[in-house]
Amino acid sequence: MWKDAYLESRVLSANPLELVCMLYQCALDSVRDARRHLAAGDIVARSRSVCRAVGAISELDGSLNHAEGGAISRNLAELYQYIRQRLTEANMRQNDAPLAEVESLLTTLSEGWKAANVPPAYVSSTMGTGAEFPAAAWLQSGGGDAHAWCA
């Protein structure tokens, strides 16, 4: 219960850059969990972790502002699509290699966002912070557990 309250407080007080970093961390944690569950042969837990990672990447993709972000937002959208494809492939084929690749990509992206000093241009200035940012509601909901296809 306290973890839920802590996460809610963190999400609601975060600026858009912090929310992006939180989503990357969620995706990374989920991919690492999926790899661990794959190695243990836990199919259900692996699938849930992959779904959670796909959900986090989809939220990142949905926050892109192509009008202001130009080529950067288009390139990120393509990369997010590629990551979702690799996650789906890993889940369907029960293969660790795509998960390892996604973990590496997400680590690089996450480190870049953490090093940023200002909110990225592709995050719309009209999104504000906290609950107004679409990812905030997703993070508060448990990061995908509310979606029927991840249950």
Foldseek 3Di string as FASTA:
>chain_A
DVVLVVLLVCQQPDWPLVLLLVLLVLLLVLLVQLLVCLVVVNLLSNLLSLQLNLLSLVLVLVQFACVFQPPVNVVSNVVSVVLNVLSVVCSVVSDSVSSVVSSVVSVVVSVVSVPDDDDDRGRDPVQGGHPSRVSNVCVSVVRRPVDPVSD
